Amino acid sequence: MTLKNTHQHVRQYIQPKRYIITGPPGSGKTSIIEGLQKKYPCVEESSRRFIIEELSRGGNRLPWKDVEAFDKAILQDRILYYNKTTAPISFFDRGIPDSLAYLKLAGANINPEFFEASKKFRYETKVFFLPSWKEIYKTNEARKETFAEALLIEKALKEVYKEQGYELIIIPKLPVSKRISLIEKIIRLN
């Protein structure tokens, strides 16, 4: 067996560590993911990409038009990328529990497949949570929520992640590089 084959053989038995970076809109998640991408595989937020695509084609599967159809599409996308990610350490800009939080906040009828997916596709127990940050908050084409709505989303995310058995690690409001250093320190200890 060659060294290359040995590495591939061992890699089959190493459980990938999939970390979530979450928080309300405009809390700095995308900036952190962009910084982490320099060292680790990262999965960008499905929602932003999907919203931009849906707007460009004039579709209705948008969180402000049909939240249930929107979140069903996002769930399928998150499961796809969860399964594709096999690196020893990777980061996700939001995870499956985010869909549960958004549906809960919208008062939508939550399909049992969301709960089943949240149980089946587990991420690392430690979830990096970025709190709302008014000073950096901006709306755009894909982010229509007001800051007051972002605060409600923050509360819903915290509740759902705790209900799903995750431990929230609050990442303080610091420059991006310091937030990334803190996250890397925590994963080294994990």
C-alpha atoms as a PDB file:
ATOM      1  CA  MET A   1       0.000   0.000   0.000  1.00  0.00           C
ATOM      2  CA  THR A   2       1.459   3.369  -0.984  1.00  0.00           C
ATOM      3  CA  LEU A   3       1.455   6.435   1.254  1.00  0.00           C
ATOM      4  CA  LYS A   4      -1.219   7.995  -0.967  1.00  0.00           C
ATOM      5  CA  ASN A   5      -3.448   4.921  -0.648  1.00  0.00           C
ATOM      6  CA  THR A   6      -2.883   4.831   3.114  1.00  0.00           C
ATOM      7  CA  HIS A   7      -3.937   8.476   3.388  1.00  0.00           C
ATOM      8  CA  GLN A   8      -7.105   7.803   1.385  1.00  0.00           C
ATOM      9  CA  HIS A   9      -7.824   4.691   3.479  1.00  0.00           C
ATOM     10  CA  VAL A  10      -7.414   6.581   6.770  1.00  0.00           C
ATOM     11  CA  ARG A  11      -9.460   9.521   5.460  1.00  0.00           C
ATOM     12  CA  GLN A  12     -12.444   7.219   4.915  1.00  0.00           C
ATOM     13  CA  TYR A  13     -12.587   6.680   8.695  1.00  0.00           C
ATOM     14  CA  ILE A  14     -12.101  10.279   9.794  1.00  0.00           C
ATOM     15  CA  GLN A  15     -15.427  11.868  10.550  1.00  0.00           C
ATOM     16  CA  PRO A  16     -15.568  15.317   8.925  1.00  0.00           C
ATOM     17  CA  LYS A  17     -16.026  18.215  11.317  1.00  0.00           C
ATOM     18  CA  ARG A  18     -18.687  20.510   9.910  1.00  0.00           C
ATOM     19  CA  TYR A  19     -18.914  23.794  11.799  1.00  0.00           C
ATOM     20  CA  ILE A  20     -21.771  26.260  11.455  1.00  0.00           C
ATOM     21  CA  ILE A  21     -21.343  30.021  11.475  1.00  0.00           C
ATOM     22  CA  THR A  22     -24.775  31.513  12.154  1.00  0.00           C
ATOM     23  CA  GLY A  23     -26.508  34.593  13.434  1.00  0.00           C
ATOM     24  CA  PRO A  24     -29.026  37.153  12.273  1.00  0.00           C
ATOM     25  CA  PRO A  25     -28.719  38.934   8.937  1.00  0.00           C
ATOM     26  CA  GLY A  26     -25.958  41.518   8.802  1.00  0.00           C
ATOM     27  CA  SER A  27     -23.887  40.155  11.701  1.00  0.00           C
ATOM     28  CA  GLY A  28     -20.734  39.544   9.641  1.00  0.00           C
ATOM     29  CA  LYS A  29     -21.108  35.864   8.693  1.00  0.00           C
ATOM     30  CA  THR A  30     -20.192  36.311   5.042  1.00  0.00           C
ATOM     31  CA  SER A  31     -17.026  38.261   5.886  1.00  0.00           C
ATOM     32  CA  ILE A  32     -15.912  35.526   8.265  1.00  0.00           C
ATOM     33  CA  ILE A  33     -16.658  32.786   5.716  1.00  0.00           C
ATOM     34  CA  GLU A  34     -14.658  34.709   3.101  1.00  0.00           C
ATOM     35  CA  GLY A  35     -11.714  34.875   5.518  1.00  0.00           C
ATOM     36  CA  LEU A  36     -11.964  31.219   6.523  1.00  0.00           C
ATOM     37  CA  GLN A  37     -12.038  30.168   2.834  1.00  0.00           C
ATOM     38  CA  LYS A  38      -8.344  31.012   2.640  1.00  0.00           C
ATOM     39  CA  LYS A  39      -7.586  27.964   4.830  1.00  0.00           C
ATOM     40  CA  TYR A  40     -10.689  25.756   4.932  1.00  0.00           C
ATOM     41  CA  PRO A  41     -13.436  24.539   2.641  1.00  0.00           C
ATOM     42  CA  CYS A  42     -16.521  26.682   3.242  1.00  0.00           C
ATOM     43  CA  VAL A  43     -20.103  26.435   2.100  1.00  0.00           C
ATOM     44  CA  GLU A  44     -21.579  29.830   1.329  1.00  0.00           C
ATOM     45  CA  GLU A  45     -25.078  30.745   2.415  1.00  0.00           C
ATOM     46  CA  SER A  46     -27.662  29.036   0.227  1.00  0.00           C
ATOM     47  CA  SER A  47     -30.312  31.665   0.863  1.00  0.00           C
ATOM     48  CA  ARG A  48     -28.453  34.640  -0.599  1.00  0.00           C
ATOM     49  CA  ARG A  49     -27.535  32.770  -3.788  1.00  0.00           C
ATOM     50  CA  PHE A  50     -31.038  31.327  -4.149  1.00  0.00           C
ATOM     51  CA  ILE A  51     -32.752  34.709  -3.615  1.00  0.00           C
ATOM     52  CA  ILE A  52     -30.604  36.387  -6.257  1.00  0.00           C
ATOM     53  CA  GLU A  53     -31.325  33.563  -8.745  1.00  0.00           C
ATOM     54  CA  GLU A  54     -35.053  33.594  -7.961  1.00  0.00           C
ATOM     55  CA  LEU A  55     -35.266  37.399  -8.343  1.00  0.00           C
ATOM     56  CA  SER A  56     -33.445  37.303 -11.668  1.00  0.00           C
ATOM     57  CA  ARG A  57     -35.958  34.840 -13.105  1.00  0.00           C
ATOM     58  CA  GLY A  58     -39.012  36.504 -11.548  1.00  0.00           C
ATOM     59  CA  GLY A  59     -39.823  33.524  -9.315  1.00  0.00           C
ATOM     60  CA  ASN A  60     -41.991  33.448  -6.197  1.00  0.00           C
ATOM     61  CA  ARG A  61     -39.976  31.088  -3.965  1.00  0.00           C
ATOM     62  CA  LEU A  62     -38.772  34.003  -1.845  1.00  0.00           C
ATOM     63  CA  PRO A  63     -38.894  34.320   1.945  1.00  0.00           C
ATOM     64  CA  TRP A  64     -41.190  37.361   1.740  1.00  0.00           C
ATOM     65  CA  LYS A  65     -43.553  35.695  -0.795  1.00  0.00           C
ATOM     66  CA  ASP A  66     -43.639  31.943  -0.063  1.00  0.00           C
ATOM     67  CA  VAL A  67     -41.477  31.090   2.942  1.00  0.00           C
ATOM     68  CA  GLU A  68     -42.411  27.387   2.925  1.00  0.00           C
ATOM     69  CA  ALA A  69     -41.425  26.839  -0.733  1.00  0.00           C
ATOM     70  CA  PHE A  70     -38.301  28.929  -0.232  1.00  0.00           C
ATOM     71  CA  ASP A  71     -37.170  26.974   2.830  1.00  0.00           C
ATOM     72  CA  LYS A  72     -37.907  23.622   1.184  1.00  0.00           C
ATOM     73  CA  ALA A  73     -35.534  24.566  -1.667  1.00  0.00           C
ATOM     74  CA  ILE A  74     -32.922  25.793   0.832  1.00  0.00           C
ATOM     75  CA  LEU A  75     -33.214  22.572   2.864  1.00  0.00           C
ATOM     76  CA  GLN A  76     -32.525  20.468  -0.241  1.00  0.00           C
ATOM     77  CA  ASP A  77     -29.510  22.658  -1.035  1.00  0.00           C
ATOM     78  CA  ARG A  78     -28.138  22.417   2.519  1.00  0.00           C
ATOM     79  CA  ILE A  79     -28.472  18.623   2.522  1.00  0.00           C
ATOM     80  CA  LEU A  80     -26.713  18.437  -0.854  1.00  0.00           C
ATOM     81  CA  TYR A  81     -23.739  20.483   0.399  1.00  0.00           C
ATOM     82  CA  TYR A  82     -23.670  18.683   3.752  1.00  0.00           C
ATOM     83  CA  ASN A  83     -23.209  15.391   1.895  1.00  0.00           C
ATOM     84  CA  LYS A  84     -20.649  16.835  -0.522  1.00  0.00           C
ATOM     85  CA  THR A  85     -18.425  18.179   2.255  1.00  0.00           C
ATOM     86  CA  THR A  86     -15.950  15.520   3.337  1.00  0.00           C
ATOM     87  CA  ALA A  87     -12.900  17.610   4.336  1.00  0.00           C
ATOM     88  CA  PRO A  88     -11.581  17.048   7.867  1.00  0.00           C
ATOM     89  CA  ILE A  89     -12.730  20.585   8.842  1.00  0.00           C
ATOM     90  CA  SER A  90     -15.229  22.770   6.988  1.00  0.00           C
ATOM     91  CA  PHE A  91     -17.470  25.725   7.725  1.00  0.00           C
ATOM     92  CA  PHE A  92     -21.056  26.414   6.718  1.00  0.00           C
ATOM     93  CA  ASP A  93     -22.630  29.860   6.455  1.00  0.00           C
ATOM     94  CA  ARG A  94     -25.826  28.748   8.212  1.00  0.00           C
ATOM     95  CA  GLY A  95     -27.089  25.200   8.688  1.00  0.00           C
ATOM     96  CA  ILE A  96     -30.286  23.183   8.553  1.00  0.00           C
ATOM     97  CA  PRO A  97     -31.516  24.475  11.951  1.00  0.00           C
ATOM     98  CA  ASP A  98     -31.572  27.999  10.468  1.00  0.00           C
ATOM     99  CA  SER A  99     -34.452  26.897   8.235  1.00  0.00           C
ATOM    100  CA  LEU A 100     -36.383  25.730  11.291  1.00  0.00           C
ATOM    101  CA  ALA A 101     -35.823  29.089  12.998  1.00  0.00           C
ATOM    102  CA  TYR A 102     -37.009  31.100   9.993  1.00  0.00           C
ATOM    103  CA  LEU A 103     -40.109  28.923   9.559  1.00  0.00           C
ATOM    104  CA  LYS A 104     -40.891  29.119  13.269  1.00  0.00           C
ATOM    105  CA  LEU A 105     -40.548  32.902  13.239  1.00  0.00           C
ATOM    106  CA  ALA A 106     -42.809  33.143  10.165  1.00  0.00           C
ATOM    107  CA  GLY A 107     -45.474  31.077  11.942  1.00  0.00           C
ATOM    108  CA  ALA A 108     -45.339  28.629   9.047  1.00  0.00           C
ATOM    109  CA  ASN A 109     -46.541  25.059   9.210  1.00  0.00           C
ATOM    110  CA  ILE A 110     -43.235  23.187   9.538  1.00  0.00           C
ATOM    111  CA  ASN A 111     -43.082  20.005   7.493  1.00  0.00           C
ATOM    112  CA  PRO A 112     -41.717  17.058   9.574  1.00  0.00           C
ATOM    113  CA  GLU A 113     -38.944  16.572   6.978  1.00  0.00           C
ATOM    114  CA  PHE A 114     -37.205  19.664   8.406  1.00  0.00           C
ATOM    115  CA  PHE A 115     -37.018  18.093  11.882  1.00  0.00           C
ATOM    116  CA  GLU A 116     -35.927  14.756  10.403  1.00  0.00           C
ATOM    117  CA  ALA A 117     -33.173  16.448   8.394  1.00  0.00           C
ATOM    118  CA  SER A 118     -32.002  18.382  11.435  1.00  0.00           C
ATOM    119  CA  LYS A 119     -31.646  15.112  13.364  1.00  0.00           C
ATOM    120  CA  LYS A 120     -30.017  13.168  10.532  1.00  0.00           C
ATOM    121  CA  PHE A 121     -27.543  15.767   9.270  1.00  0.00           C
ATOM    122  CA  ARG A 122     -25.727  16.823  12.429  1.00  0.00           C
ATOM    123  CA  TYR A 123     -23.000  19.426  12.500  1.00  0.00           C
ATOM    124  CA  GLU A 124     -20.418  19.880  15.242  1.00  0.00           C
ATOM    125  CA  THR A 125     -22.104  20.548  18.584  1.00  0.00           C
ATOM    126  CA  LYS A 126     -20.307  23.870  18.995  1.00  0.00           C
ATOM    127  CA  VAL A 127     -21.987  26.427  16.728  1.00  0.00           C
ATOM    128  CA  PHE A 128     -20.362  29.821  16.192  1.00  0.00           C
ATOM    129  CA  PHE A 129     -23.015  32.476  16.757  1.00  0.00           C
ATOM    130  CA  LEU A 130     -22.561  36.066  15.635  1.00  0.00           C
ATOM    131  CA  PRO A 131     -24.832  38.498  17.479  1.00  0.00           C
ATOM    132  CA  SER A 132     -26.686  41.323  15.798  1.00  0.00           C
ATOM    133  CA  TRP A 133     -24.477  44.326  15.107  1.00  0.00           C
ATOM    134  CA  LYS A 134     -26.315  47.539  14.270  1.00  0.00           C
ATOM    135  CA  GLU A 135     -23.174  49.437  13.246  1.00  0.00           C
ATOM    136  CA  ILE A 136     -22.463  47.087  10.320  1.00  0.00           C
ATOM    137  CA  TYR A 137     -26.065  46.227   9.410  1.00  0.00           C
ATOM    138  CA  LYS A 138     -27.134  47.036   5.832  1.00  0.00           C
ATOM    139  CA  THR A 139     -30.064  45.966   3.703  1.00  0.00           C
ATOM    140  CA  ASN A 140     -29.579  44.945   0.077  1.00  0.00           C
ATOM    141  CA  GLU A 141     -31.329  43.089  -2.734  1.00  0.00           C
ATOM    142  CA  ALA A 142     -31.173  39.769  -0.873  1.00  0.00           C
ATOM    143  CA  ARG A 143     -31.472  41.149   2.690  1.00  0.00           C
ATOM    144  CA  LYS A 144     -34.729  43.012   3.110  1.00  0.00           C
ATOM    145  CA  GLU A 145     -35.182  42.619   6.885  1.00  0.00           C
ATOM    146  CA  THR A 146     -35.075  45.701   9.073  1.00  0.00           C
ATOM    147  CA  PHE A 147     -32.683  45.700  12.016  1.00  0.00           C
ATOM    148  CA  ALA A 148     -35.682  45.152  14.335  1.00  0.00           C
ATOM    149  CA  GLU A 149     -36.556  42.034  12.309  1.00  0.00           C
ATOM    150  CA  ALA A 150     -32.926  40.895  12.518  1.00  0.00           C
ATOM    151  CA  LEU A 151     -33.237  41.003  16.320  1.00  0.00           C
ATOM    152  CA  LEU A 152     -36.291  38.721  16.150  1.00  0.00           C
ATOM    153  CA  ILE A 153     -34.380  36.353  13.864  1.00  0.00           C
ATOM    154  CA  GLU A 154     -31.497  36.342  16.350  1.00  0.00           C
ATOM    155  CA  LYS A 155     -33.844  35.261  19.147  1.00  0.00           C
ATOM    156  CA  ALA A 156     -35.442  32.523  17.003  1.00  0.00           C
ATOM    157  CA  LEU A 157     -32.036  31.182  15.935  1.00  0.00           C
ATOM    158  CA  LYS A 158     -30.828  30.961  19.529  1.00  0.00           C
ATOM    159  CA  GLU A 159     -33.986  29.141  20.609  1.00  0.00           C
ATOM    160  CA  VAL A 160     -33.935  26.615  17.763  1.00  0.00           C
ATOM    161  CA  TYR A 161     -30.228  25.806  18.009  1.00  0.00           C
ATOM    162  CA  LYS A 162     -30.576  25.182  21.748  1.00  0.00           C
ATOM    163  CA  GLU A 163     -33.713  23.066  21.177  1.00  0.00           C
ATOM    164  CA  GLN A 164     -31.760  21.024  18.609  1.00  0.00           C
ATOM    165  CA  GLY A 165     -29.004  20.291  21.156  1.00  0.00           C
ATOM    166  CA  TYR A 166     -26.284  22.644  19.930  1.00  0.00           C
ATOM    167  CA  GLU A 167     -23.996  24.755  22.104  1.00  0.00           C
ATOM    168  CA  LEU A 168     -23.814  28.359  20.944  1.00  0.00           C
ATOM    169  CA  ILE A 169     -20.373  29.942  21.075  1.00  0.00           C
ATOM    170  CA  ILE A 170     -20.926  33.699  20.930  1.00  0.00           C
ATOM    171  CA  ILE A 171     -18.306  35.385  18.759  1.00  0.00           C
ATOM    172  CA  PRO A 172     -17.907  38.971  19.982  1.00  0.00           C
ATOM    173  CA  LYS A 173     -18.055  42.079  17.822  1.00  0.00           C
ATOM    174  CA  LEU A 174     -14.424  42.349  16.760  1.00  0.00           C
ATOM    175  CA  PRO A 175     -12.543  42.958  13.511  1.00  0.00           C
ATOM    176  CA  VAL A 176     -12.948  40.032  11.093  1.00  0.00           C
ATOM    177  CA  SER A 177      -9.360  38.792  11.556  1.00  0.00           C
ATOM    178  CA  LYS A 178      -9.794  38.601  15.351  1.00  0.00           C
ATOM    179  CA  ARG A 179     -13.107  36.787  15.013  1.00  0.00           C
ATOM    180  CA  ILE A 180     -11.459  34.258  12.700  1.00  0.00           C
ATOM    181  CA  SER A 181      -8.514  33.796  15.107  1.00  0.00           C
ATOM    182  CA  LEU A 182     -10.951  33.121  17.947  1.00  0.00           C
ATOM    183  CA  ILE A 183     -12.869  30.542  15.887  1.00  0.00           C
ATOM    184  CA  GLU A 184      -9.620  28.799  14.918  1.00  0.00           C
ATOM    185  CA  LYS A 185      -8.499  28.728  18.552  1.00  0.00           C
ATOM    186  CA  ILE A 186     -11.770  27.110  19.585  1.00  0.00           C
ATOM    187  CA  ILE A 187     -11.646  24.426  16.869  1.00  0.00           C
ATOM    188  CA  ARG A 188      -8.068  23.533  17.885  1.00  0.00           C
ATOM    189  CA  LEU A 189      -9.356  22.887  21.426  1.00  0.00           C
ATOM    190  CA  ASN A 190     -12.371  20.907  20.229  1.00  0.00           C
END
